[in-house]
Each structure stands twice: as structure tokens, then as C-alpha cells.
Amino acid sequence: MAHHSGIVDRDSLRVLSQLDRAFARVERAAQAADRPYQFVILSDHGQTQGATFKQRYGVTLKQAIQKLLPRDLKIHARLQTDEEWGHVAALVSEVAQQDPYMLGRFVRTVTRQRTEDGEVAVGPDYQRMLDEQAGRVITAEEAQLIVLASGNLGLVYFTDWQERLTLEALEAHFPGLVDGLVRHPGIGFVLVRSERYGPLAIGARGIYYLAQDRVTGENPLAYFSLHAPMLLRRADLYDNAPDLLINSFYDPVADEACAFEELIGFHGGLGGGQNRPFLLSPVAWQLRNESIVGAEQLYRVLKRQVDAMPG
């Protein structure tokens, strides 16, 4: 709800009230159980809000990148995650793959033309499939550049190279691309790997040298999470790290950023409330003063508490 209405909209707050009532029902049911239960409620991220990149600047992230590249470069973009349709697709695909009875046979029959690799395409994904089959859009397989978005995070992959492109290679093959991106007012920083310096977070007025933990000019990560350098170093090590990782600006006064998707409440990148997850745990666990950063550390904390429980 908050994706489309905003994080403090009345409709979003109504959903929170409904969740509170649902938790209360579970707690009442537990009181009648044969064994004691302790409850942990986790939201693995918050949300940040603000007008979208397209609403602010009149172009999508794909179009902003396209202006800085040769006109004939083939680009495939996925700038909408469609979480709600994803749940529907997962349910329909599971029925089609696993149900051996009449319902499964019926679903397999009616979805045969919209199934790829066992996954049923519904909603926007089905429209995208039709557009690709009709040649109206560039497919990922034929694209020379792939642009993906999740909230205010953008990922850019050049497909003509097997290896990840470095800053030096990007400047040689596509001069002005990185500089043009970091100077865009909607972009806070770009993460790229340098042959000489390792991972760099580059902003319009400064560079954070992540391997050396030093900054020249203005710190492009100053308004983001205190853990931003550590998180970016980790992202840089992934085998599937993009050639360019793009994060939108974050305004700490307005507490706003801008999504590259058409969502006014979002998560995926750095900046604002999206980087503050929520954990409700038993008071006896005494986690209030414990610093927990990342899923691995949270797992260790929860596992420690579970191991200490009787029985």
C-alpha cells in the first residue's frame, strides 16, 4: 500500500492497524496452545518516499542513460518490479507445475501460451512477453545494455563484455557516461570499480575511495547510512555486481529520495527510512542495546536466543 500511497498516508496506516489486530489474534491463539510461544515480528526494511525520478525530471533512468550513449545502442530495461503481480504469478506457476489433478491440468492448458521455463507470466510481465515476441521492445538476449531498477537503486550491465567493466574501460568506450550520470541532480552517487583504486562511490563533487576509506572533495555518502561504505564494499564483491550501481539522491531535510520505478514509497537502495528495519522481540531477550547490521548478524542473534530457550 505504501508503495503507491506513501508511508504516512491514511490507507497505509490503516493496513498497520489491520496487522496489529492480526498479531493480537495469533497471540490469543497461542495462549490456548499446549506449549509456550514467543513472538518475533520482523520487517527487513523500511520505506523512503518522494516523487519519482520520472515525475521530477521527465525521463526514466533508461532515457537518462540513453542520452549519454551512442544512439544505436540496444537497451533492455526493467524499471518496475510489480511485487503484487509477482505473488499472483508464483501461485499460478505453482499450481500449473505441481497440481496433478483437474485444476492443475486446466491451469496448464489456459496458460500454455504465457509460460516460459515453467513460470507463468501475468499482468505487466505478460504484456512485456507479448511486446518482445512482436518485436516492439528489445529483449534481454539481444540487448547491448541492460538497465534494472529496484526503488532508488539502478543496475547497469553492458553485455558485449564477459567481464565487469572498470571505470577506465567505461571512460574509453563510453566517454562522458559516468560524469554525466553523477552530475544529474536525481543521482546521489554511482558505484564503479577502478583498475587502480578499486571500488569508488562517485558523486557530483567528490569521490569516496572505498578500499582506502578516504574521500576527495565532498563525501558523496555523507547523507546516507553510516554503514553505506561497508555495504557498498560488500556489493562490489558480488560475482554479479553491475558495471554501474546507481543510487538516487537523498535529501535529509525533506527526508526524500526518488525511485527509478513509478513508486512514491520504495526500498532497494540507500537513503532514509528504507535502511531502518524493524524487529519486535520479547523484552527478556534484551536486544534494545544490541547493534544488528545485516541478515547474517540477525540470524546469529536469533539463533542464540532460540538455542537458549528451554526444550
C-alpha atoms as a PDB file:
ATOM      1  CA  MET A   1       0.000   0.000   0.000  1.00  0.00           C
ATOM      2  CA  ALA A   2       2.758   2.444   0.969  1.00  0.00           C
ATOM      3  CA  HIS A   3       4.406   1.936  -2.439  1.00  0.00           C
ATOM      4  CA  HIS A   4       1.516   3.741  -4.095  1.00  0.00           C
ATOM      5  CA  SER A   5       0.017   5.878  -1.319  1.00  0.00           C
ATOM      6  CA  GLY A   6       3.094   6.976   0.646  1.00  0.00           C
ATOM      7  CA  ILE A   7       4.380   5.835   4.010  1.00  0.00           C
ATOM      8  CA  VAL A   8       2.192   8.047   6.226  1.00  0.00           C
ATOM      9  CA  ASP A   9      -0.952   8.027   4.114  1.00  0.00           C
ATOM     10  CA  ARG A  10      -4.205   7.144   5.870  1.00  0.00           C
ATOM     11  CA  ASP A  11      -4.602   3.980   3.778  1.00  0.00           C
ATOM     12  CA  SER A  12      -1.096   2.817   4.710  1.00  0.00           C
ATOM     13  CA  LEU A  13      -1.688   3.455   8.409  1.00  0.00           C
ATOM     14  CA  ARG A  14      -4.959   1.530   8.168  1.00  0.00           C
ATOM     15  CA  VAL A  15      -3.005  -1.507   6.964  1.00  0.00           C
ATOM     16  CA  LEU A  16      -0.759  -1.218  10.046  1.00  0.00           C
ATOM     17  CA  SER A  17      -3.841  -1.288  12.265  1.00  0.00           C
ATOM     18  CA  GLN A  18      -5.032  -4.416  10.499  1.00  0.00           C
ATOM     19  CA  LEU A  19      -1.650  -6.043  11.072  1.00  0.00           C
ATOM     20  CA  ASP A  20      -1.832  -5.162  14.771  1.00  0.00           C
ATOM     21  CA  ARG A  21      -5.184  -6.929  15.026  1.00  0.00           C
ATOM     22  CA  ALA A  22      -3.805  -9.957  13.186  1.00  0.00           C
ATOM     23  CA  PHE A  23      -0.876 -10.196  15.618  1.00  0.00           C
ATOM     24  CA  ALA A  24      -3.318  -9.982  18.524  1.00  0.00           C
ATOM     25  CA  ARG A  25      -5.339 -12.908  17.144  1.00  0.00           C
ATOM     26  CA  VAL A  26      -2.206 -15.034  16.851  1.00  0.00           C
ATOM     27  CA  GLU A  27      -1.203 -14.132  20.403  1.00  0.00           C
ATOM     28  CA  ARG A  28      -4.625 -15.099  21.739  1.00  0.00           C
ATOM     29  CA  ALA A  29      -4.471 -18.407  19.871  1.00  0.00           C
ATOM     30  CA  ALA A  30      -1.044 -19.122  21.371  1.00  0.00           C
ATOM     31  CA  GLN A  31      -2.446 -18.789  24.867  1.00  0.00           C
ATOM     32  CA  ALA A  32      -4.611 -21.852  24.204  1.00  0.00           C
ATOM     33  CA  ALA A  33      -1.712 -23.941  22.853  1.00  0.00           C
ATOM     34  CA  ASP A  34      -0.100 -26.872  24.680  1.00  0.00           C
ATOM     35  CA  ARG A  35       3.332 -25.251  24.654  1.00  0.00           C
ATOM     36  CA  PRO A  36       4.594 -21.698  25.229  1.00  0.00           C
ATOM     37  CA  TYR A  37       5.348 -19.448  22.257  1.00  0.00           C
ATOM     38  CA  GLN A  38       7.455 -16.319  21.973  1.00  0.00           C
ATOM     39  CA  PHE A  39       6.870 -13.991  19.057  1.00  0.00           C
ATOM     40  CA  VAL A  40       9.327 -12.100  16.909  1.00  0.00           C
ATOM     41  CA  ILE A  41       7.990  -9.675  14.310  1.00  0.00           C
ATOM     42  CA  LEU A  42      10.442  -8.609  11.626  1.00  0.00           C
ATOM     43  CA  SER A  43      10.272  -6.111   8.797  1.00  0.00           C
ATOM     44  CA  ASP A  44      13.572  -6.489   6.976  1.00  0.00           C
ATOM     45  CA  HIS A  45      13.447  -2.932   5.633  1.00  0.00           C
ATOM     46  CA  GLY A  46      11.560   0.316   5.990  1.00  0.00           C
ATOM     47  CA  GLN A  47      10.484   2.638   3.196  1.00  0.00           C
ATOM     48  CA  THR A  48      11.557   6.013   1.880  1.00  0.00           C
ATOM     49  CA  GLN A  49       9.235   8.238  -0.092  1.00  0.00           C
ATOM     50  CA  GLY A  50       9.262  11.056  -2.614  1.00  0.00           C
ATOM     51  CA  ALA A  51       8.251  11.941  -6.151  1.00  0.00           C
ATOM     52  CA  THR A  52       9.737   9.504  -8.662  1.00  0.00           C
ATOM     53  CA  PHE A  53      12.721  10.162 -10.924  1.00  0.00           C
ATOM     54  CA  LYS A  54      10.413  10.432 -13.936  1.00  0.00           C
ATOM     55  CA  GLN A  55       7.999  12.759 -12.139  1.00  0.00           C
ATOM     56  CA  ARG A  56      10.849  15.080 -11.162  1.00  0.00           C
ATOM     57  CA  TYR A  57      12.907  15.107 -14.358  1.00  0.00           C
ATOM     58  CA  GLY A  58      10.537  13.989 -17.124  1.00  0.00           C
ATOM     59  CA  VAL A  59      12.620  10.962 -18.158  1.00  0.00           C
ATOM     60  CA  THR A  60      13.145   7.410 -16.946  1.00  0.00           C
ATOM     61  CA  LEU A  61      16.524   6.135 -15.796  1.00  0.00           C
ATOM     62  CA  LYS A  62      16.839   4.301 -19.118  1.00  0.00           C
ATOM     63  CA  GLN A  63      16.244   7.529 -21.044  1.00  0.00           C
ATOM     64  CA  ALA A  64      18.700   9.475 -18.887  1.00  0.00           C
ATOM     65  CA  ILE A  65      21.393   6.862 -19.599  1.00  0.00           C
ATOM     66  CA  GLN A  66      20.445   6.642 -23.276  1.00  0.00           C
ATOM     67  CA  LYS A  67      21.170  10.364 -23.772  1.00  0.00           C
ATOM     68  CA  LEU A  68      24.791   9.727 -22.762  1.00  0.00           C
ATOM     69  CA  LEU A  69      25.388   6.779 -25.115  1.00  0.00           C
ATOM     70  CA  PRO A  70      25.517   6.141 -28.874  1.00  0.00           C
ATOM     71  CA  ARG A  71      22.013   6.355 -30.333  1.00  0.00           C
ATOM     72  CA  ASP A  72      22.144   2.919 -31.948  1.00  0.00           C
ATOM     73  CA  LEU A  73      22.978   1.032 -28.713  1.00  0.00           C
ATOM     74  CA  LYS A  74      20.318  -1.591 -27.993  1.00  0.00           C
ATOM     75  CA  ILE A  75      18.919  -1.214 -24.463  1.00  0.00           C
ATOM     76  CA  HIS A  76      16.656  -3.505 -22.464  1.00  0.00           C
ATOM     77  CA  ALA A  77      15.132  -2.016 -19.312  1.00  0.00           C
ATOM     78  CA  ARG A  78      13.166  -3.449 -16.398  1.00  0.00           C
ATOM     79  CA  LEU A  79      12.114  -0.463 -14.312  1.00  0.00           C
ATOM     80  CA  GLN A  80       9.166  -1.941 -12.453  1.00  0.00           C
ATOM     81  CA  THR A  81       9.296  -4.895 -10.038  1.00  0.00           C
ATOM     82  CA  ASP A  82       5.494  -5.434  -9.819  1.00  0.00           C
ATOM     83  CA  GLU A  83       5.604  -7.207  -6.451  1.00  0.00           C
ATOM     84  CA  GLU A  84       1.846  -7.749  -6.318  1.00  0.00           C
ATOM     85  CA  TRP A  85       1.718  -9.421  -9.731  1.00  0.00           C
ATOM     86  CA  GLY A  86       4.762 -11.469  -8.729  1.00  0.00           C
ATOM     87  CA  HIS A  87       2.785 -13.113  -5.921  1.00  0.00           C
ATOM     88  CA  VAL A  88      -0.019 -13.973  -8.370  1.00  0.00           C
ATOM     89  CA  ALA A  89       2.466 -15.380 -10.884  1.00  0.00           C
ATOM     90  CA  ALA A  90       4.136 -17.523  -8.211  1.00  0.00           C
ATOM     91  CA  LEU A  91       0.796 -19.009  -7.121  1.00  0.00           C
ATOM     92  CA  VAL A  92      -0.377 -19.739 -10.672  1.00  0.00           C
ATOM     93  CA  SER A  93       3.012 -21.232 -11.618  1.00  0.00           C
ATOM     94  CA  GLU A  94       2.988 -23.490  -8.554  1.00  0.00           C
ATOM     95  CA  VAL A  95      -0.479 -24.814  -9.377  1.00  0.00           C
ATOM     96  CA  ALA A  96       0.483 -25.378 -13.006  1.00  0.00           C
ATOM     97  CA  GLN A  97       3.694 -27.237 -12.107  1.00  0.00           C
ATOM     98  CA  GLN A  98       2.637 -29.280  -9.098  1.00  0.00           C
ATOM     99  CA  ASP A  99      -1.101 -29.928  -9.120  1.00  0.00           C
ATOM    100  CA  PRO A 100      -1.683 -33.313 -10.867  1.00  0.00           C
ATOM    101  CA  TYR A 101      -5.470 -33.038 -10.732  1.00  0.00           C
ATOM    102  CA  MET A 102      -8.114 -31.276 -12.796  1.00  0.00           C
ATOM    103  CA  LEU A 103      -7.268 -27.772 -11.566  1.00  0.00           C
ATOM    104  CA  GLY A 104      -3.588 -28.169 -12.458  1.00  0.00           C
ATOM    105  CA  ARG A 105      -4.424 -29.540 -15.917  1.00  0.00           C
ATOM    106  CA  PHE A 106      -6.828 -26.655 -16.518  1.00  0.00           C
ATOM    107  CA  VAL A 107      -4.285 -24.024 -15.444  1.00  0.00           C
ATOM    108  CA  ARG A 108      -1.569 -25.604 -17.614  1.00  0.00           C
ATOM    109  CA  THR A 109      -3.908 -25.544 -20.615  1.00  0.00           C
ATOM    110  CA  VAL A 110      -5.027 -21.924 -20.320  1.00  0.00           C
ATOM    111  CA  THR A 111      -1.539 -20.591 -19.503  1.00  0.00           C
ATOM    112  CA  ARG A 112       0.439 -22.579 -22.085  1.00  0.00           C
ATOM    113  CA  GLN A 113       0.955 -19.545 -24.337  1.00  0.00           C
ATOM    114  CA  ARG A 114       2.215 -17.402 -21.467  1.00  0.00           C
ATOM    115  CA  THR A 115       4.622 -19.861 -19.829  1.00  0.00           C
ATOM    116  CA  GLU A 116       8.411 -19.682 -20.128  1.00  0.00           C
ATOM    117  CA  ASP A 117      10.728 -22.090 -18.288  1.00  0.00           C
ATOM    118  CA  GLY A 118       7.819 -23.210 -16.114  1.00  0.00           C
ATOM    119  CA  GLU A 119       6.969 -19.649 -14.972  1.00  0.00           C
ATOM    120  CA  VAL A 120       3.566 -18.213 -15.893  1.00  0.00           C
ATOM    121  CA  ALA A 121       3.641 -14.560 -16.944  1.00  0.00           C
ATOM    122  CA  VAL A 122       0.732 -12.437 -15.710  1.00  0.00           C
ATOM    123  CA  GLY A 123      -0.040  -8.720 -15.627  1.00  0.00           C
ATOM    124  CA  PRO A 124       2.813  -6.473 -16.850  1.00  0.00           C
ATOM    125  CA  ASP A 125       5.126  -9.460 -17.370  1.00  0.00           C
ATOM    126  CA  TYR A 126       2.677 -10.958 -19.861  1.00  0.00           C
ATOM    127  CA  GLN A 127       2.413  -7.648 -21.718  1.00  0.00           C
ATOM    128  CA  ARG A 128       6.212  -7.475 -21.785  1.00  0.00           C
ATOM    129  CA  MET A 129       6.319 -11.016 -23.212  1.00  0.00           C
ATOM    130  CA  LEU A 130       3.878 -10.037 -25.978  1.00  0.00           C
ATOM    131  CA  ASP A 131       5.859  -6.872 -26.767  1.00  0.00           C
ATOM    132  CA  GLU A 132       9.106  -8.847 -27.013  1.00  0.00           C
ATOM    133  CA  GLN A 133       7.531 -11.535 -29.201  1.00  0.00           C
ATOM    134  CA  ALA A 134       6.133  -8.849 -31.515  1.00  0.00           C
ATOM    135  CA  GLY A 135       9.487  -7.071 -31.703  1.00  0.00           C
ATOM    136  CA  ARG A 136       8.146  -3.867 -30.134  1.00  0.00           C
ATOM    137  CA  VAL A 137      10.877  -3.820 -27.468  1.00  0.00           C
ATOM    138  CA  ILE A 138      14.476  -5.030 -27.197  1.00  0.00           C
ATOM    139  CA  THR A 139      14.808  -8.377 -25.394  1.00  0.00           C
ATOM    140  CA  ALA A 140      17.470  -9.022 -22.768  1.00  0.00           C
ATOM    141  CA  GLU A 141      19.108 -11.577 -25.073  1.00  0.00           C
ATOM    142  CA  GLU A 142      19.666  -9.090 -27.914  1.00  0.00           C
ATOM    143  CA  ALA A 143      20.417  -6.044 -25.754  1.00  0.00           C
ATOM    144  CA  GLN A 144      23.865  -4.467 -25.530  1.00  0.00           C
ATOM    145  CA  LEU A 145      22.891  -2.741 -22.299  1.00  0.00           C
ATOM    146  CA  ILE A 146      20.533  -3.848 -19.541  1.00  0.00           C
ATOM    147  CA  VAL A 147      19.097  -1.347 -17.052  1.00  0.00           C
ATOM    148  CA  LEU A 148      17.331  -2.628 -13.933  1.00  0.00           C
ATOM    149  CA  ALA A 149      15.678  -0.737 -11.092  1.00  0.00           C
ATOM    150  CA  SER A 150      14.563  -1.531  -7.553  1.00  0.00           C
ATOM    151  CA  GLY A 151      13.300   1.525  -5.720  1.00  0.00           C
ATOM    152  CA  ASN A 152      16.002   4.194  -5.905  1.00  0.00           C
ATOM    153  CA  LEU A 153      18.666   1.665  -6.911  1.00  0.00           C
ATOM    154  CA  GLY A 154      19.668   1.244 -10.559  1.00  0.00           C
ATOM    155  CA  LEU A 155      21.864  -1.511 -12.001  1.00  0.00           C
ATOM    156  CA  VAL A 156      23.552  -1.186 -15.389  1.00  0.00           C
ATOM    157  CA  TYR A 157      25.158  -4.077 -17.300  1.00  0.00           C
ATOM    158  CA  PHE A 158      26.983  -3.881 -20.647  1.00  0.00           C
ATOM    159  CA  THR A 159      26.515  -7.265 -22.300  1.00  0.00           C
ATOM    160  CA  ASP A 160      29.154  -7.096 -25.039  1.00  0.00           C
ATOM    161  CA  TRP A 161      31.813  -7.846 -22.416  1.00  0.00           C
ATOM    162  CA  GLN A 162      32.087 -11.040 -20.371  1.00  0.00           C
ATOM    163  CA  GLU A 163      33.917  -9.276 -17.553  1.00  0.00           C
ATOM    164  CA  ARG A 164      32.738  -6.362 -15.445  1.00  0.00           C
ATOM    165  CA  LEU A 165      33.764  -3.056 -16.996  1.00  0.00           C
ATOM    166  CA  THR A 166      36.066  -0.854 -14.947  1.00  0.00           C
ATOM    167  CA  LEU A 167      35.899   2.916 -14.727  1.00  0.00           C
ATOM    168  CA  GLU A 168      38.866   3.170 -17.069  1.00  0.00           C
ATOM    169  CA  ALA A 169      37.221   0.883 -19.641  1.00  0.00           C
ATOM    170  CA  LEU A 170      33.937   2.775 -19.405  1.00  0.00           C
ATOM    171  CA  GLU A 171      35.705   6.078 -19.981  1.00  0.00           C
ATOM    172  CA  ALA A 172      37.493   4.603 -23.002  1.00  0.00           C
ATOM    173  CA  HIS A 173      34.416   3.043 -24.608  1.00  0.00           C
ATOM    174  CA  PHE A 174      31.715   5.469 -23.438  1.00  0.00           C
ATOM    175  CA  PRO A 175      33.369   8.795 -22.600  1.00  0.00           C
ATOM    176  CA  GLY A 176      31.192  11.130 -20.569  1.00  0.00           C
ATOM    177  CA  LEU A 177      28.826   8.426 -19.316  1.00  0.00           C
ATOM    178  CA  VAL A 178      29.897   8.276 -15.680  1.00  0.00           C
ATOM    179  CA  ASP A 179      30.482  12.020 -15.452  1.00  0.00           C
ATOM    180  CA  GLY A 180      27.083  12.712 -16.997  1.00  0.00           C
ATOM    181  CA  LEU A 181      25.324  10.398 -14.577  1.00  0.00           C
ATOM    182  CA  VAL A 182      26.892  11.759 -11.391  1.00  0.00           C
ATOM    183  CA  ARG A 183      26.115  15.330 -12.480  1.00  0.00           C
ATOM    184  CA  HIS A 184      22.414  14.544 -12.868  1.00  0.00           C
ATOM    185  CA  PRO A 185      20.509  16.162  -9.962  1.00  0.00           C
ATOM    186  CA  GLY A 186      18.493  12.997  -9.369  1.00  0.00           C
ATOM    187  CA  ILE A 187      21.556  10.825  -8.781  1.00  0.00           C
ATOM    188  CA  GLY A 188      23.408  10.797  -5.472  1.00  0.00           C
ATOM    189  CA  PHE A 189      26.335   8.579  -6.386  1.00  0.00           C
ATOM    190  CA  VAL A 190      27.498   5.854  -8.759  1.00  0.00           C
ATOM    191  CA  LEU A 191      29.455   2.802  -7.591  1.00  0.00           C
ATOM    192  CA  VAL A 192      32.047   1.663 -10.135  1.00  0.00           C
ATOM    193  CA  ARG A 193      35.280  -0.325  -9.892  1.00  0.00           C
ATOM    194  CA  SER A 194      38.567   1.250 -10.874  1.00  0.00           C
ATOM    195  CA  GLU A 195      41.546  -0.796 -12.077  1.00  0.00           C
ATOM    196  CA  ARG A 196      43.849   1.394  -9.985  1.00  0.00           C
ATOM    197  CA  TYR A 197      41.818   2.274  -6.896  1.00  0.00           C
ATOM    198  CA  GLY A 198      39.229  -0.498  -6.521  1.00  0.00           C
ATOM    199  CA  PRO A 199      35.594   0.367  -5.768  1.00  0.00           C
ATOM    200  CA  LEU A 200      34.674   4.054  -5.954  1.00  0.00           C
ATOM    201  CA  ALA A 201      31.492   5.853  -4.918  1.00  0.00           C
ATOM    202  CA  ILE A 202      31.482   8.876  -7.233  1.00  0.00           C
ATOM    203  CA  GLY A 203      29.296  11.911  -6.656  1.00  0.00           C
ATOM    204  CA  ALA A 204      28.981  15.247  -8.435  1.00  0.00           C
ATOM    205  CA  ARG A 205      31.544  16.940  -6.170  1.00  0.00           C
ATOM    206  CA  GLY A 206      33.619  14.180  -4.659  1.00  0.00           C
ATOM    207  CA  ILE A 207      34.794  10.573  -4.610  1.00  0.00           C
ATOM    208  CA  TYR A 208      34.798   8.041  -1.784  1.00  0.00           C
ATOM    209  CA  TYR A 209      37.687   5.596  -2.293  1.00  0.00           C
ATOM    210  CA  LEU A 210      36.131   2.607  -0.567  1.00  0.00           C
ATOM    211  CA  ALA A 211      39.223   0.362  -0.496  1.00  0.00           C
ATOM    212  CA  GLN A 212      41.348   3.107   1.063  1.00  0.00           C
ATOM    213  CA  ASP A 213      38.499   4.587   3.168  1.00  0.00           C
ATOM    214  CA  ARG A 214      39.285   8.134   2.106  1.00  0.00           C
ATOM    215  CA  VAL A 215      37.421  10.952   0.395  1.00  0.00           C
ATOM    216  CA  THR A 216      38.452  13.648  -2.054  1.00  0.00           C
ATOM    217  CA  GLY A 217      36.172  16.648  -2.406  1.00  0.00           C
ATOM    218  CA  GLU A 218      32.721  16.367  -0.831  1.00  0.00           C
ATOM    219  CA  ASN A 219      31.759  12.978   0.581  1.00  0.00           C
ATOM    220  CA  PRO A 220      29.045  11.571  -1.745  1.00  0.00           C
ATOM    221  CA  LEU A 221      27.889   9.216   1.042  1.00  0.00           C
ATOM    222  CA  ALA A 222      27.580  11.902   3.718  1.00  0.00           C
ATOM    223  CA  TYR A 223      23.775  11.894   3.826  1.00  0.00           C
ATOM    224  CA  PHE A 224      23.349   8.139   3.565  1.00  0.00           C
ATOM    225  CA  SER A 225      23.601   5.374   6.157  1.00  0.00           C
ATOM    226  CA  LEU A 226      26.680   5.263   8.396  1.00  0.00           C
ATOM    227  CA  HIS A 227      27.041   1.704   7.141  1.00  0.00           C
ATOM    228  CA  ALA A 228      26.984   2.780   3.472  1.00  0.00           C
ATOM    229  CA  PRO A 229      30.744   2.312   2.846  1.00  0.00           C
ATOM    230  CA  MET A 230      30.662  -1.210   4.311  1.00  0.00           C
ATOM    231  CA  LEU A 231      27.537  -2.134   2.345  1.00  0.00           C
ATOM    232  CA  LEU A 232      28.987  -0.830  -0.921  1.00  0.00           C
ATOM    233  CA  ARG A 233      32.263  -2.685  -0.381  1.00  0.00           C
ATOM    234  CA  ARG A 234      30.225  -5.852   0.036  1.00  0.00           C
ATOM    235  CA  ALA A 235      28.088  -5.151  -3.057  1.00  0.00           C
ATOM    236  CA  ASP A 236      31.260  -4.596  -5.074  1.00  0.00           C
ATOM    237  CA  LEU A 237      32.445  -8.139  -4.265  1.00  0.00           C
ATOM    238  CA  TYR A 238      29.397  -9.923  -5.696  1.00  0.00           C
ATOM    239  CA  ASP A 239      30.116 -12.037  -8.775  1.00  0.00           C
ATOM    240  CA  ASN A 240      27.080 -10.484 -10.466  1.00  0.00           C
ATOM    241  CA  ALA A 241      27.890  -6.895  -9.451  1.00  0.00           C
ATOM    242  CA  PRO A 242      26.829  -4.469 -12.201  1.00  0.00           C
ATOM    243  CA  ASP A 243      29.159  -2.324 -14.251  1.00  0.00           C
ATOM    244  CA  LEU A 244      27.419   0.685 -12.710  1.00  0.00           C
ATOM    245  CA  LEU A 245      25.412   0.751  -9.491  1.00  0.00           C
ATOM    246  CA  ILE A 246      23.361   3.951  -9.372  1.00  0.00           C
ATOM    247  CA  ASN A 247      21.728   5.376  -6.251  1.00  0.00           C
ATOM    248  CA  SER A 248      19.387   8.353  -6.301  1.00  0.00           C
ATOM    249  CA  PHE A 249      19.947  11.481  -4.240  1.00  0.00           C
ATOM    250  CA  TYR A 250      18.738  11.621  -0.643  1.00  0.00           C
ATOM    251  CA  ASP A 251      17.574  14.879   0.959  1.00  0.00           C
ATOM    252  CA  PRO A 252      17.896  14.550   4.759  1.00  0.00           C
ATOM    253  CA  VAL A 253      15.929  17.764   5.409  1.00  0.00           C
ATOM    254  CA  ALA A 254      12.863  16.698   3.436  1.00  0.00           C
ATOM    255  CA  ASP A 255      13.615  13.021   4.164  1.00  0.00           C
ATOM    256  CA  GLU A 256      13.045  12.232   0.486  1.00  0.00           C
ATOM    257  CA  ALA A 257      14.699  10.390  -2.362  1.00  0.00           C
ATOM    258  CA  CYS A 258      13.377   9.370  -5.783  1.00  0.00           C
ATOM    259  CA  ALA A 259      12.641   5.900  -7.093  1.00  0.00           C
ATOM    260  CA  PHE A 260      13.598   4.828 -10.592  1.00  0.00           C
ATOM    261  CA  GLU A 261      10.371   2.836 -10.547  1.00  0.00           C
ATOM    262  CA  GLU A 262       6.977   4.581 -10.553  1.00  0.00           C
ATOM    263  CA  LEU A 263       6.554   4.192  -6.794  1.00  0.00           C
ATOM    264  CA  ILE A 264       6.344   7.055  -4.296  1.00  0.00           C
ATOM    265  CA  GLY A 265       7.122   4.747  -1.365  1.00  0.00           C
ATOM    266  CA  PHE A 266      10.054   2.444  -2.031  1.00  0.00           C
ATOM    267  CA  HIS A 267      13.045   0.435  -0.869  1.00  0.00           C
ATOM    268  CA  GLY A 268      16.033  -1.110  -2.622  1.00  0.00           C
ATOM    269  CA  GLY A 269      18.797   1.463  -2.371  1.00  0.00           C
ATOM    270  CA  LEU A 270      20.314   3.725   0.269  1.00  0.00           C
ATOM    271  CA  GLY A 271      18.808   6.774   1.930  1.00  0.00           C
ATOM    272  CA  GLY A 272      16.144   7.415   4.547  1.00  0.00           C
ATOM    273  CA  GLY A 273      13.745   5.082   6.302  1.00  0.00           C
ATOM    274  CA  GLN A 274      14.216   2.190   3.884  1.00  0.00           C
ATOM    275  CA  ASN A 275      17.503   1.465   5.656  1.00  0.00           C
ATOM    276  CA  ARG A 276      15.855   1.108   9.079  1.00  0.00           C
ATOM    277  CA  PRO A 277      14.339  -2.370   9.536  1.00  0.00           C
ATOM    278  CA  PHE A 278      12.042  -3.217  12.431  1.00  0.00           C
ATOM    279  CA  LEU A 279      12.335  -6.020  14.992  1.00  0.00           C
ATOM    280  CA  LEU A 280       9.823  -6.624  17.788  1.00  0.00           C
ATOM    281  CA  SER A 281      11.135  -9.227  20.218  1.00  0.00           C
ATOM    282  CA  PRO A 282      10.445 -10.389  23.791  1.00  0.00           C
ATOM    283  CA  VAL A 283      11.662  -7.890  26.398  1.00  0.00           C
ATOM    284  CA  ALA A 284      13.527 -10.687  28.170  1.00  0.00           C
ATOM    285  CA  TRP A 285      15.843 -11.053  25.176  1.00  0.00           C
ATOM    286  CA  GLN A 286      17.283  -7.592  25.943  1.00  0.00           C
ATOM    287  CA  LEU A 287      18.103  -6.697  22.347  1.00  0.00           C
ATOM    288  CA  ARG A 288      17.408  -2.986  22.757  1.00  0.00           C
ATOM    289  CA  ASN A 289      21.063  -2.002  23.024  1.00  0.00           C
ATOM    290  CA  GLU A 290      22.425  -4.617  20.624  1.00  0.00           C
ATOM    291  CA  SER A 291      23.692  -3.326  17.277  1.00  0.00           C
ATOM    292  CA  ILE A 292      22.444  -5.591  14.482  1.00  0.00           C
ATOM    293  CA  VAL A 293      23.603  -4.909  10.928  1.00  0.00           C
ATOM    294  CA  GLY A 294      22.717  -7.285   8.126  1.00  0.00           C
ATOM    295  CA  ALA A 295      20.870 -10.570   7.773  1.00  0.00           C
ATOM    296  CA  GLU A 296      23.806 -12.730   8.863  1.00  0.00           C
ATOM    297  CA  GLN A 297      24.186 -10.936  12.179  1.00  0.00           C
ATOM    298  CA  LEU A 298      20.427 -11.000  12.761  1.00  0.00           C
ATOM    299  CA  TYR A 299      20.433 -14.753  12.140  1.00  0.00           C
ATOM    300  CA  ARG A 300      23.165 -15.265  14.724  1.00  0.00           C
ATOM    301  CA  VAL A 301      21.276 -13.181  17.296  1.00  0.00           C
ATOM    302  CA  LEU A 302      18.001 -15.031  16.758  1.00  0.00           C
ATOM    303  CA  LYS A 303      19.712 -18.425  16.695  1.00  0.00           C
ATOM    304  CA  ARG A 304      21.394 -17.633  20.016  1.00  0.00           C
ATOM    305  CA  GLN A 305      18.026 -16.838  21.576  1.00  0.00           C
ATOM    306  CA  VAL A 306      16.362 -19.950  20.160  1.00  0.00           C
ATOM    307  CA  ASP A 307      19.198 -22.179  21.403  1.00  0.00           C
ATOM    308  CA  ALA A 308      18.804 -20.698  24.879  1.00  0.00           C
ATOM    309  CA  MET A 309      15.084 -21.494  25.069  1.00  0.00           C
ATOM    310  CA  PRO A 310      14.087 -24.479  27.228  1.00  0.00           C
ATOM    311  CA  GLY A 311      13.019 -27.671  25.482  1.00  0.00           C
END
